[in-house]
C-alpha cells in the first residue's frame, strides 16, 4: 500500500508533456525544395564536367593538343630526315626522305650529282612500282628522295627502293602504316630465283630425251 501511494504522488507531481504537432509539408514548399536541389546538382555536375577532366585539362585544351600533334605528324620540320633500308632479292636500298619539291636522286656522289628516276630505271613499269608508296600516301612531290642502291638487277632494285620508301613514309606518319601494310609495301618479299641443278638446263628444265 505504501508503494502504491508513492507512485500516485510522483505521477501527480510530474507534469504531462504536450506533443506539438509537426506541420505537414505543403506541395509548394516541396516543389521549391526539389527545384533547389536539382539546380544545385545540375550546377555542380555542369561545373565539374565543363571545367576540367581527371588529369586537370579541359576538353578544349585536349582537342587543341591533338590537333597540334596531327599537324606535326602531317607536316614535318623542314630540316627533318627520315631514313630507312629496303631489301628485295640480293638488292639493298638505303632511302632518305626530306621535305622538298619531289627531287629524286639515285646513287648521288659526294658532290650531290646522281641519276634521276627516269635515267636509272628505263622501264615505265619499274618507275611506277617505285612511286607506288608515294602515290598511295598522297605525298608525290612533297618529299625529296635520295637513294643508294646496290646489288641485284632491275627487279630486285625496284623492289628494294619501293620497300625503303614505304618504311620511311611509315616513320613520318604512323597513320599510313595500316594503309601501306594492307597493300603489302612494308613486307619484305623473300622470293628468290630457284638455283640451277646439276644435269638440268635450269632449275627444273631437263634436256630433251632421245631414244637413239
Protein backbone atom coordinates (compact mmCIF):
# COMPACT_ATOMS: atom_id res chain seq x y z
CA UNK A 1 0.00 0.00 0.00
CA UNK A 2 2.84 2.39 0.74
CA UNK A 3 4.43 1.75 -2.65
CA UNK A 4 1.15 2.44 -4.48
CA UNK A 5 0.74 5.77 -2.61
CA UNK A 6 4.30 6.88 -3.52
CA UNK A 7 3.75 6.09 -7.23
CA UNK A 8 0.47 8.04 -7.30
CA UNK A 9 2.10 11.10 -5.73
CA UNK A 10 5.04 11.00 -8.20
CA UNK A 11 2.64 10.77 -11.13
CA UNK A 12 0.68 13.78 -9.92
CA UNK A 13 3.86 15.82 -9.38
CA UNK A 14 5.29 15.14 -12.92
CA UNK A 15 3.56 17.43 -15.42
CA UNK A 16 2.43 15.88 -18.72
CA UNK A 17 4.50 16.83 -21.77
CA UNK A 18 2.37 18.09 -24.58
CA UNK A 19 3.32 16.90 -28.10
CA UNK A 20 3.43 19.72 -30.58
CA UNK A 21 2.08 18.70 -33.96
CA UNK A 22 4.57 18.87 -36.91
CA UNK A 23 3.13 20.94 -39.74
CA UNK A 24 2.67 18.95 -42.91
CA UNK A 25 4.78 19.97 -45.90
CA UNK A 26 2.78 21.88 -48.41
CA UNK A 27 3.04 20.99 -52.13
CA UNK A 28 4.52 24.43 -52.92
CA UNK A 29 7.36 24.01 -50.39
CA UNK A 30 8.12 20.51 -51.65
CA UNK A 31 8.31 21.74 -55.22
CA UNK A 32 10.60 24.63 -54.25
CA UNK A 33 12.93 22.29 -52.33
CA UNK A 34 13.12 19.82 -55.23
CA UNK A 35 13.86 22.64 -57.66
CA UNK A 36 16.63 23.98 -55.43
CA UNK A 37 18.21 20.53 -55.12
CA UNK A 38 18.02 19.96 -58.89
CA UNK A 39 19.61 23.34 -59.59
CA UNK A 40 22.46 22.71 -57.19
CA UNK A 41 23.10 19.21 -58.61
CA UNK A 42 22.98 20.46 -62.20
CA UNK A 43 25.30 23.33 -61.40
CA UNK A 44 27.83 21.10 -59.66
CA UNK A 45 27.73 18.46 -62.43
CA UNK A 46 27.99 21.02 -65.20
CA UNK A 47 30.86 22.77 -63.46
CA UNK A 48 32.79 19.56 -62.85
CA UNK A 49 32.27 18.29 -66.40
CA UNK A 50 32.90 21.55 -68.19
CA UNK A 51 35.90 22.85 -66.32
CA UNK A 52 38.40 20.02 -66.23
CA UNK A 53 38.88 16.30 -66.62
CA UNK A 54 40.63 13.83 -64.34
CA UNK A 55 44.11 14.92 -65.47
CA UNK A 56 43.34 18.61 -65.00
CA UNK A 57 42.96 19.55 -68.70
CA UNK A 58 39.80 20.89 -70.27
CA UNK A 59 38.29 19.26 -73.35
CA UNK A 60 39.22 22.31 -75.40
CA UNK A 61 42.88 22.04 -74.36
CA UNK A 62 42.94 18.30 -75.09
CA UNK A 63 41.44 18.85 -78.53
CA UNK A 64 43.96 21.61 -79.28
CA UNK A 65 46.84 19.33 -78.24
CA UNK A 66 45.52 16.57 -80.51
CA UNK A 67 45.26 18.93 -83.48
CA UNK A 68 48.81 20.15 -82.85
CA UNK A 69 50.06 16.55 -82.82
CA UNK A 70 48.30 15.77 -86.10
CA UNK A 71 49.74 18.89 -87.73
CA UNK A 72 53.23 18.00 -86.53
CA UNK A 73 52.92 14.46 -87.94
CA UNK A 74 51.42 15.55 -91.25
CA UNK A 75 53.84 18.45 -91.77
CA UNK A 76 57.32 17.54 -90.54
CA UNK A 77 60.01 20.13 -89.95
CA UNK A 78 61.93 21.46 -92.96
CA UNK A 79 65.22 20.04 -91.73
CA UNK A 80 63.77 16.59 -90.87
CA UNK A 81 65.45 13.48 -92.30
CA UNK A 82 63.79 10.08 -92.37
CA UNK A 83 65.96 7.08 -93.20
CA UNK A 84 65.00 3.51 -93.99
CA UNK A 85 66.53 0.43 -95.57
CA UNK A 86 64.67 -1.65 -98.15
CA UNK A 87 65.52 -5.13 -99.39
CA UNK A 88 64.48 -7.35 -102.29
CA UNK A 89 66.31 -10.44 -103.56
CA UNK A 90 70.01 -9.52 -103.42
CA UNK A 91 69.42 -5.75 -103.61
CA UNK A 92 69.70 -3.33 -100.70
CA UNK A 93 68.46 0.28 -100.90
CA UNK A 94 69.11 2.98 -98.34
CA UNK A 95 66.46 5.69 -98.65
CA UNK A 96 66.41 9.21 -97.17
CA UNK A 97 63.26 11.36 -97.33
CA UNK A 98 63.34 15.10 -96.66
CA UNK A 99 60.56 17.68 -97.13
CA UNK A 100 61.02 19.29 -100.53
CA UNK A 101 59.75 19.63 -104.08
CA UNK A 102 59.94 15.99 -105.19
CA UNK A 103 63.59 15.68 -106.26
CA UNK A 104 64.58 12.04 -106.90
CA UNK A 105 68.30 11.17 -106.95
CA UNK A 106 69.79 7.70 -107.06
CA UNK A 107 73.39 6.87 -106.15
CA UNK A 108 74.45 10.50 -105.79
CA UNK A 109 78.12 11.13 -105.15
CA UNK A 110 79.64 13.46 -102.59
CA UNK A 111 79.00 16.47 -104.82
CA UNK A 112 75.27 15.80 -104.98
CA UNK A 113 75.34 14.56 -108.56
CA UNK A 114 73.31 11.43 -109.20
CA UNK A 115 70.91 9.88 -111.66
CA UNK A 116 67.24 10.74 -111.75
CA UNK A 117 64.49 8.16 -111.57
CA UNK A 118 63.96 8.29 -115.34
CA UNK A 119 67.68 7.87 -116.02
CA UNK A 120 68.19 4.97 -113.65
CA UNK A 121 65.06 2.93 -114.41
CA UNK A 122 64.40 2.78 -118.14
CA UNK A 123 61.12 0.90 -117.99
CA UNK A 124 57.94 2.75 -117.11
CA UNK A 125 56.70 -0.23 -115.10
CA UNK A 126 59.74 -0.05 -112.80
CA UNK A 127 59.25 3.66 -112.20
CA UNK A 128 55.57 3.09 -111.42
CA UNK A 129 56.44 0.42 -108.86
CA UNK A 130 58.95 2.73 -107.16
CA UNK A 131 56.41 5.57 -106.87
CA UNK A 132 53.51 3.39 -105.64
CA UNK A 133 54.01 4.16 -101.91
CA UNK A 134 54.16 7.91 -102.55
CA UNK A 135 51.01 7.74 -104.68
CA UNK A 136 49.16 5.70 -102.03
CA UNK A 137 50.16 8.18 -99.32
CA UNK A 138 49.32 11.22 -101.48
CA UNK A 139 52.86 12.55 -100.99
CA UNK A 140 54.03 12.80 -104.60
CA UNK A 141 56.09 15.97 -104.91
CA UNK A 142 56.08 16.61 -101.15
CA UNK A 143 59.43 14.95 -100.32
CA UNK A 144 62.90 14.75 -101.81
CA UNK A 145 64.05 11.15 -102.20
CA UNK A 146 67.73 10.23 -102.05
CA UNK A 147 68.58 6.58 -102.67
CA UNK A 148 71.75 4.50 -102.60
CA UNK A 149 71.07 1.05 -104.04
CA UNK A 150 73.39 -1.80 -104.93
CA UNK A 151 73.24 -5.48 -105.75
CA UNK A 152 70.84 -7.50 -107.86
CA UNK A 153 69.16 -6.45 -111.08
CA UNK A 154 66.38 -4.12 -112.12
CA UNK A 155 63.61 -6.14 -110.47
CA UNK A 156 65.44 -6.51 -107.17
CA UNK A 157 66.50 -2.86 -107.02
CA UNK A 158 63.00 -1.69 -107.88
CA UNK A 159 61.50 -3.72 -105.03
CA UNK A 160 64.22 -2.62 -102.61
CA UNK A 161 63.69 1.09 -103.35
CA UNK A 162 59.92 0.72 -103.00
CA UNK A 163 60.33 -1.11 -99.69
CA UNK A 164 62.66 1.59 -98.34
CA UNK A 165 60.34 4.45 -99.36
CA UNK A 166 57.39 2.67 -97.71
CA UNK A 167 59.26 2.25 -94.42
CA UNK A 168 60.33 5.90 -94.44
CA UNK A 169 56.74 7.07 -95.04
CA UNK A 170 55.50 4.87 -92.18
CA UNK A 171 58.06 6.55 -89.92
CA UNK A 172 56.92 10.03 -91.00
CA UNK A 173 53.22 9.37 -90.39
CA UNK A 174 52.29 6.30 -88.31
CA UNK A 175 48.71 6.63 -89.55
CA UNK A 176 49.90 5.50 -93.00
CA UNK A 177 51.31 2.26 -91.66
CA UNK A 178 47.99 0.40 -91.85
CA UNK A 179 47.33 1.58 -95.39
CA UNK A 180 50.82 0.71 -96.64
CA UNK A 181 50.82 -2.61 -94.84
CA UNK A 182 47.46 -3.50 -96.38
CA UNK A 183 48.94 -3.03 -99.87
CA UNK A 184 51.96 -5.19 -99.00
CA UNK A 185 54.53 -2.40 -99.29
CA UNK A 186 56.04 -2.95 -95.82
CA UNK A 187 56.54 -6.70 -96.19
CA UNK A 188 59.92 -8.00 -97.31
CA UNK A 189 59.46 -10.04 -100.48
CA UNK A 190 61.58 -13.10 -99.73
CA UNK A 191 61.04 -14.83 -103.09
CA UNK A 192 64.28 -15.85 -104.76
CA UNK A 193 65.16 -17.42 -108.07
CA UNK A 194 65.50 -21.16 -107.64
CA UNK A 195 69.06 -22.37 -108.16
CA UNK A 196 70.13 -24.41 -111.13
CA UNK A 197 70.62 -28.14 -110.60
CA UNK A 198 73.36 -30.34 -111.97
CA UNK A 199 72.33 -32.23 -115.10
CA UNK A 200 69.46 -29.78 -115.83
CA UNK A 201 69.42 -26.77 -118.10
CA UNK A 202 67.78 -24.54 -115.46
CA UNK A 203 66.22 -25.03 -112.04
CA UNK A 204 63.79 -27.68 -113.35
CA UNK A 205 64.13 -27.71 -117.12
CA UNK A 206 65.51 -31.01 -118.34
CA UNK A 207 67.30 -31.75 -121.62
CA UNK A 208 65.23 -33.42 -124.31
CA UNK A 209 65.14 -37.20 -124.06
CA UNK A 210 66.25 -39.17 -127.10
CA UNK A 211 65.81 -42.94 -127.59
CA UNK A 212 68.62 -43.20 -130.13
